[in-house]
């Protein structure tokens, strides 16, 4: 069986394209007053997901929000332009995910912060989980987990480090915290305080925005529970493109049995031995679908799906969907992903 692995080349091309788009975007209208528009401060945010969250916290026009990584862009692969760095330096506050999610932005964020711009890391204000904490390690010859499989397989990718020296596959805090809306809700008071302190926004108005948005996040969490209710516990097994759904699994009672890319970063690569093992795991467990990502090539996932005889469905992971689509807001993102997962596994 031949599984074609060309995601690395496509990821590099995508990164170059996004960098070019960023240059065009920031080259337009970026003047000396970029940090303030229409009399209100401009808060700079790294990803579209956190951009929408921040926009809800500064509701009713308390501040403008500018997102660095274009919608559809991979936060692992994004490289900032000089214009983007200048925008961050001029902002009263930069909001980032943290935990090295924005791999190409780490050095720039550190430099901007050292130069005096406060950087608020969302992941610093939630309860994090370790990579692999929701992963079931299984080999195809000898299993005995809750589904009758014995966990005696030692994953060859334990303690894997990518080319940037970051341990992603197992061990280390997982940065993909936005997949749990309750954790996001828990971080909002600290975000509100940072906005009041550094951007000079009215604390009382921020509190009202936060209270409204937290109620919406709690509501979508309840809604997702309802969407997922048809899935029995034994069906809540996930095979994903990369290790991004740990918090979703932790919140909603899923287990991850494998990833196409054995890493928490899309900059790593799939490998034939790992994909062959995944074929056996999928066959043994009866997993009905593999979940690829809108921000990354699906070629390897599609090849795996063909080899294992299962369908491949796409999730939004590191970015919101198009603004006019069902995943164009963070709440829509959470809801839509839950619906796709039920469609794939149900």
Protein backbone atom coordinates (compact mmCIF):
# COMPACT_ATOMS: atom_id res chain seq x y z
CA UNK A 1 0.00 0.00 0.00
CA UNK A 2 1.40 3.40 -0.94
CA UNK A 3 0.36 6.45 1.08
CA UNK A 4 1.42 9.71 -0.57
CA UNK A 5 2.90 12.22 1.87
CA UNK A 6 3.12 15.69 0.35
CA UNK A 7 1.59 17.89 3.04
CA UNK A 8 4.96 19.46 3.86
CA UNK A 9 5.35 20.92 0.36
CA UNK A 10 1.78 22.20 0.36
CA UNK A 11 2.20 23.69 3.85
CA UNK A 12 5.27 25.61 2.70
CA UNK A 13 3.43 26.95 -0.35
CA UNK A 14 0.50 27.93 1.85
CA UNK A 15 2.82 29.72 4.27
CA UNK A 16 4.37 31.73 1.44
CA UNK A 17 0.95 32.64 0.08
CA UNK A 18 -0.30 33.78 3.47
CA UNK A 19 2.83 35.86 4.00
CA UNK A 20 2.24 37.56 0.66
CA UNK A 21 -1.39 38.22 1.52
CA UNK A 22 -0.35 39.67 4.86
CA UNK A 23 2.06 42.05 3.13
CA UNK A 24 -0.73 43.28 0.88
CA UNK A 25 -3.18 43.63 3.76
CA UNK A 26 -0.88 45.56 6.06
CA UNK A 27 0.46 47.70 3.21
CA UNK A 28 -2.95 49.34 2.88
CA UNK A 29 -3.99 52.11 5.23
CA UNK A 30 -1.34 51.47 7.87
CA UNK A 31 -0.46 55.03 8.95
CA UNK A 32 0.81 56.64 12.14
CA UNK A 33 -2.66 56.49 13.66
CA UNK A 34 -2.97 52.71 13.16
CA UNK A 35 -3.23 52.05 16.89
CA UNK A 36 -6.32 54.25 17.16
CA UNK A 37 -9.29 54.46 14.82
CA UNK A 38 -12.33 56.74 15.16
CA UNK A 39 -11.26 57.75 18.64
CA UNK A 40 -11.11 54.21 20.03
CA UNK A 41 -8.00 52.05 20.53
CA UNK A 42 -7.14 49.22 18.16
CA UNK A 43 -6.37 45.90 19.83
CA UNK A 44 -4.24 43.51 17.77
CA UNK A 45 -5.08 39.79 17.95
CA UNK A 46 -3.20 36.88 16.39
CA UNK A 47 -5.93 34.48 15.19
CA UNK A 48 -9.43 34.93 13.82
CA UNK A 49 -10.81 32.78 16.64
CA UNK A 50 -9.42 35.01 19.36
CA UNK A 51 -10.27 38.03 17.24
CA UNK A 52 -13.96 37.17 17.44
CA UNK A 53 -13.72 36.47 21.17
CA UNK A 54 -12.04 39.83 21.79
CA UNK A 55 -14.62 41.58 19.58
CA UNK A 56 -17.37 40.23 21.83
CA UNK A 57 -15.54 41.43 24.95
CA UNK A 58 -15.21 44.95 23.48
CA UNK A 59 -18.80 44.97 22.27
CA UNK A 60 -20.69 48.14 21.31
CA UNK A 61 -17.64 49.72 19.74
CA UNK A 62 -15.44 49.96 22.83
CA UNK A 63 -12.39 49.16 20.66
CA UNK A 64 -11.46 48.10 17.15
CA UNK A 65 -9.99 44.65 16.65
CA UNK A 66 -7.39 43.80 14.00
CA UNK A 67 -6.48 40.16 13.36
CA UNK A 68 -3.00 39.32 12.10
CA UNK A 69 -3.49 35.82 10.66
CA UNK A 70 -5.98 35.85 7.77
CA UNK A 71 -9.14 33.79 8.03
CA UNK A 72 -8.27 30.31 6.81
CA UNK A 73 -4.62 30.74 7.79
CA UNK A 74 -2.72 28.19 9.86
CA UNK A 75 -1.49 29.76 13.13
CA UNK A 76 1.40 27.29 13.24
CA UNK A 77 2.69 28.40 9.84
CA UNK A 78 2.08 32.16 9.83
CA UNK A 79 5.10 34.43 9.43
CA UNK A 80 4.61 38.13 10.32
CA UNK A 81 5.49 40.96 7.98
CA UNK A 82 7.35 44.09 9.07
CA UNK A 83 4.07 45.98 8.79
CA UNK A 84 2.40 43.51 11.13
CA UNK A 85 5.19 43.95 13.66
CA UNK A 86 4.79 47.72 13.45
CA UNK A 87 1.07 47.41 14.08
CA UNK A 88 1.74 45.31 17.18
CA UNK A 89 4.29 47.79 18.47
CA UNK A 90 1.78 50.63 18.11
CA UNK A 91 -1.09 48.76 19.79
CA UNK A 92 -2.03 49.29 23.43
CA UNK A 93 -2.46 45.52 23.78
CA UNK A 94 -1.74 42.41 21.73
CA UNK A 95 -3.80 39.28 22.39
CA UNK A 96 -2.19 35.96 21.49
CA UNK A 97 -2.89 32.31 22.21
CA UNK A 98 0.47 31.48 23.74
CA UNK A 99 2.11 28.11 24.50
CA UNK A 100 3.99 28.39 21.18
CA UNK A 101 0.85 27.94 19.09
CA UNK A 102 1.86 30.85 16.84
CA UNK A 103 5.24 29.29 16.10
CA UNK A 104 6.37 31.88 13.57
CA UNK A 105 5.29 34.72 15.83
CA UNK A 106 7.02 33.69 19.05
CA UNK A 107 10.18 35.74 18.54
CA UNK A 108 8.24 38.78 17.31
CA UNK A 109 5.82 38.65 20.24
CA UNK A 110 8.73 38.47 22.66
CA UNK A 111 10.47 41.40 20.95
CA UNK A 112 7.29 43.50 20.91
CA UNK A 113 6.70 42.79 24.59
CA UNK A 114 10.29 43.69 25.46
CA UNK A 115 9.81 46.94 23.55
CA UNK A 116 6.90 47.83 25.82
CA UNK A 117 3.71 46.52 24.23
CA UNK A 118 1.75 44.32 26.66
CA UNK A 119 0.94 40.87 25.29
CA UNK A 120 -1.97 38.94 26.80
CA UNK A 121 -1.68 35.16 26.32
CA UNK A 122 -5.10 33.52 26.51
CA UNK A 123 -3.66 30.10 27.37
CA UNK A 124 -2.09 31.54 30.53
CA UNK A 125 -5.57 32.07 31.97
CA UNK A 126 -7.15 28.64 31.53
CA UNK A 127 -6.61 25.22 33.03
CA UNK A 128 -4.44 23.43 30.48
CA UNK A 129 -4.09 19.72 29.71
CA UNK A 130 -1.03 17.80 28.59
CA UNK A 131 -0.64 16.47 25.09
CA UNK A 132 -1.74 12.86 25.06
CA UNK A 133 -4.01 13.16 28.09
CA UNK A 134 -7.05 12.23 25.97
CA UNK A 135 -5.16 9.85 23.69
CA UNK A 136 -5.58 6.09 23.86
CA UNK A 137 -2.31 4.34 22.95
CA UNK A 138 -3.25 1.17 21.08
CA UNK A 139 -1.51 -1.32 18.84
CA UNK A 140 -3.42 -3.50 16.41
CA UNK A 141 -2.21 -6.81 17.76
CA UNK A 142 -2.81 -6.49 21.47
CA UNK A 143 -5.46 -4.13 22.89
CA UNK A 144 -7.57 -4.10 26.00
CA UNK A 145 -9.03 -0.67 26.76
CA UNK A 146 -12.66 0.02 27.69
CA UNK A 147 -13.66 -1.34 24.28
CA UNK A 148 -11.94 -4.65 24.94
CA UNK A 149 -8.47 -3.56 23.82
CA UNK A 150 -5.27 -3.90 25.80
CA UNK A 151 -3.09 -0.79 25.81
CA UNK A 152 0.35 -2.32 25.35
CA UNK A 153 1.43 -0.35 22.31
CA UNK A 154 4.27 2.09 22.87
CA UNK A 155 3.73 4.98 20.47
CA UNK A 156 6.87 5.44 18.42
CA UNK A 157 6.21 9.17 18.43
CA UNK A 158 6.27 9.70 22.20
CA UNK A 159 8.24 12.80 23.13
CA UNK A 160 8.43 13.73 19.45
CA UNK A 161 10.06 17.06 18.76
CA UNK A 162 9.45 18.95 15.56
CA UNK A 163 12.07 20.89 13.65
CA UNK A 164 11.56 23.85 15.96
CA UNK A 165 12.50 21.82 19.03
CA UNK A 166 8.99 21.80 20.49
CA UNK A 167 7.70 18.56 21.99
CA UNK A 168 4.23 18.09 20.54
CA UNK A 169 3.04 14.51 20.32
CA UNK A 170 3.01 13.57 23.99
CA UNK A 171 4.01 15.68 26.95
CA UNK A 172 3.90 19.45 27.32
CA UNK A 173 0.89 21.74 27.64
CA UNK A 174 -1.54 21.60 24.72
CA UNK A 175 -2.12 25.13 23.33
CA UNK A 176 -5.40 24.41 21.51
CA UNK A 177 -7.46 25.70 24.44
CA UNK A 178 -10.23 27.30 22.35
CA UNK A 179 -11.82 23.91 21.66
CA UNK A 180 -13.47 24.16 25.09
CA UNK A 181 -15.90 27.11 25.30
CA UNK A 182 -16.03 26.91 29.08
CA UNK A 183 -12.27 27.36 29.33
CA UNK A 184 -12.60 30.34 26.98
CA UNK A 185 -15.32 31.74 29.23
CA UNK A 186 -13.08 31.31 32.27
CA UNK A 187 -10.37 33.48 30.66
CA UNK A 188 -12.63 36.44 29.87
CA UNK A 189 -12.45 38.29 33.23
CA UNK A 190 -8.65 38.40 33.00
CA UNK A 191 -8.88 39.56 29.38
CA UNK A 192 -11.35 42.27 30.38
CA UNK A 193 -9.01 43.49 33.11
CA UNK A 194 -6.09 43.64 30.67
CA UNK A 195 -8.17 45.65 28.21
CA UNK A 196 -9.18 48.11 30.92
CA UNK A 197 -5.63 48.45 32.21
CA UNK A 198 -3.69 48.69 28.97
CA UNK A 199 -6.23 49.99 26.44
CA UNK A 200 -7.99 52.34 28.84
CA UNK A 201 -11.43 50.86 28.22
CA UNK A 202 -14.31 51.38 30.61
CA UNK A 203 -14.27 48.50 33.10
CA UNK A 204 -18.01 48.62 33.75
CA UNK A 205 -18.86 48.46 30.05
CA UNK A 206 -16.41 45.59 29.59
CA UNK A 207 -18.02 43.70 32.47
CA UNK A 208 -21.41 43.96 30.78
CA UNK A 209 -19.98 42.65 27.51
CA UNK A 210 -18.24 39.79 29.30
CA UNK A 211 -21.39 38.80 31.21
CA UNK A 212 -23.41 38.64 27.99
CA UNK A 213 -20.78 36.70 26.09
CA UNK A 214 -20.14 34.22 28.91
CA UNK A 215 -23.84 33.39 28.95
CA UNK A 216 -23.66 32.74 25.20
CA UNK A 217 -20.64 30.47 25.63
CA UNK A 218 -22.39 28.49 28.35
CA UNK A 219 -25.42 28.18 26.07
CA UNK A 220 -23.38 26.85 23.14
CA UNK A 221 -21.66 24.39 25.46
CA UNK A 222 -25.09 23.04 26.42
CA UNK A 223 -26.07 23.02 22.75
CA UNK A 224 -22.99 21.00 21.81
CA UNK A 225 -23.84 18.47 24.52
CA UNK A 226 -27.21 18.07 22.84
CA UNK A 227 -25.73 17.80 19.35
CA UNK A 228 -23.35 15.08 20.52
CA UNK A 229 -25.93 13.21 22.59
CA UNK A 230 -26.71 10.63 19.85
CA UNK A 231 -23.11 9.38 19.99
CA UNK A 232 -22.64 6.51 22.42
CA UNK A 233 -19.44 6.52 24.51
CA UNK A 234 -17.97 3.67 22.48
CA UNK A 235 -18.41 5.75 19.31
CA UNK A 236 -16.59 8.80 20.69
CA UNK A 237 -13.24 7.94 19.14
CA UNK A 238 -11.39 10.49 17.02
CA UNK A 239 -8.75 10.24 14.32
CA UNK A 240 -7.67 13.76 13.39
CA UNK A 241 -5.18 15.46 11.11
CA UNK A 242 -2.93 16.72 13.92
CA UNK A 243 -3.21 16.72 17.70
CA UNK A 244 -5.57 19.69 18.03
CA UNK A 245 -8.77 18.32 19.57
CA UNK A 246 -7.54 17.38 23.03
CA UNK A 247 -9.65 20.01 24.80
CA UNK A 248 -12.74 19.11 22.77
CA UNK A 249 -12.19 15.46 23.74
CA UNK A 250 -11.64 16.40 27.38
CA UNK A 251 -14.79 18.52 27.52
CA UNK A 252 -17.18 16.22 25.67
CA UNK A 253 -16.02 12.72 26.54
CA UNK A 254 -14.06 11.69 23.45
CA UNK A 255 -10.81 9.78 23.11
CA UNK A 256 -8.17 10.38 20.46
CA UNK A 257 -6.80 7.17 19.00
CA UNK A 258 -4.46 8.67 16.44
CA UNK A 259 -3.44 11.57 14.23
CA UNK A 260 -2.30 11.73 10.62
CA UNK A 261 0.51 14.08 11.66
CA UNK A 262 1.97 12.72 14.92
CA UNK A 263 2.32 16.17 16.45
CA UNK A 264 0.53 19.14 17.94
CA UNK A 265 1.95 21.24 15.11
CA UNK A 266 0.98 21.14 11.44
CA UNK A 267 4.61 21.91 10.58
CA UNK A 268 5.54 18.32 11.36
CA UNK A 269 5.06 15.55 8.79
CA UNK A 270 3.15 12.32 8.51
CA UNK A 271 5.18 9.15 8.04
CA UNK A 272 4.37 5.84 6.34
CA UNK A 273 4.87 3.67 9.43
CA UNK A 274 2.53 5.79 11.50
CA UNK A 275 -0.11 5.86 8.79
CA UNK A 276 0.06 2.09 8.37
CA UNK A 277 -0.46 1.71 12.11
CA UNK A 278 -3.43 4.06 11.94
CA UNK A 279 -5.03 1.91 9.25
CA UNK A 280 -4.94 -1.06 11.64
CA UNK A 281 -6.28 1.04 14.54
CA UNK A 282 -9.18 2.30 12.44
CA UNK A 283 -10.02 -1.21 11.29
CA UNK A 284 -9.80 -2.64 14.81
CA UNK A 285 -11.84 0.06 16.54
CA UNK A 286 -14.42 0.59 13.81
CA UNK A 287 -13.87 4.34 13.69
CA UNK A 288 -16.22 5.64 11.01
CA UNK A 289 -14.43 8.81 9.90
CA UNK A 290 -11.15 10.70 9.77
CA UNK A 291 -11.20 14.45 10.36
CA UNK A 292 -8.99 16.68 8.25
CA UNK A 293 -8.61 20.47 8.61
CA UNK A 294 -9.62 23.47 6.55
CA UNK A 295 -6.24 25.14 7.28
CA UNK A 296 -4.09 22.24 6.08
CA UNK A 297 -3.82 19.94 3.11
CA UNK A 298 -6.13 16.93 3.36
CA UNK A 299 -4.08 14.77 0.98
CA UNK A 300 -2.59 12.51 3.64
CA UNK A 301 -5.92 12.18 5.45
CA UNK A 302 -7.64 11.30 2.17
CA UNK A 303 -4.99 8.67 1.43
CA UNK A 304 -5.47 7.22 4.91
CA UNK A 305 -9.24 7.20 4.44
CA UNK A 306 -8.93 5.30 1.18
CA UNK A 307 -6.56 2.76 2.75
CA UNK A 308 -8.83 2.23 5.77
CA UNK A 309 -12.09 2.41 3.84
CA UNK A 310 -13.59 5.28 5.85
CA UNK A 311 -14.83 8.75 4.94
CA UNK A 312 -12.88 11.95 5.53
CA UNK A 313 -14.63 15.09 6.79
CA UNK A 314 -13.11 18.53 7.31
CA UNK A 315 -13.12 20.51 10.56
CA UNK A 316 -12.29 24.12 11.25
CA UNK A 317 -9.39 24.03 13.69
CA UNK A 318 -6.97 26.97 13.82
CA UNK A 319 -9.21 29.48 12.07
CA UNK A 320 -12.81 30.52 11.75
CA UNK A 321 -14.60 29.83 8.51
CA UNK A 322 -15.70 32.51 6.02
CA UNK A 323 -17.49 35.42 7.77
CA UNK A 324 -20.82 34.59 6.09
CA UNK A 325 -20.61 30.87 6.86
CA UNK A 326 -21.79 28.74 9.76
CA UNK A 327 -18.31 28.79 11.32
CA UNK A 328 -17.76 32.52 10.82
CA UNK A 329 -17.91 33.24 14.56
CA UNK A 330 -16.33 31.40 17.47
CA UNK A 331 -19.71 30.14 18.69
CA UNK A 332 -20.57 29.01 15.17
CA UNK A 333 -17.14 27.36 14.92
CA UNK A 334 -17.81 25.24 18.02
CA UNK A 335 -21.33 24.35 16.93
CA UNK A 336 -20.39 23.49 13.35
CA UNK A 337 -17.48 21.27 14.36
CA UNK A 338 -19.76 19.33 16.71
CA UNK A 339 -22.26 18.84 13.88
CA UNK A 340 -19.55 17.59 11.52
CA UNK A 341 -18.23 15.17 14.14
CA UNK A 342 -21.71 13.72 14.70
CA UNK A 343 -22.18 13.42 10.95
CA UNK A 344 -18.90 11.52 10.67
CA UNK A 345 -19.25 9.22 13.67
CA UNK A 346 -22.99 8.86 13.98
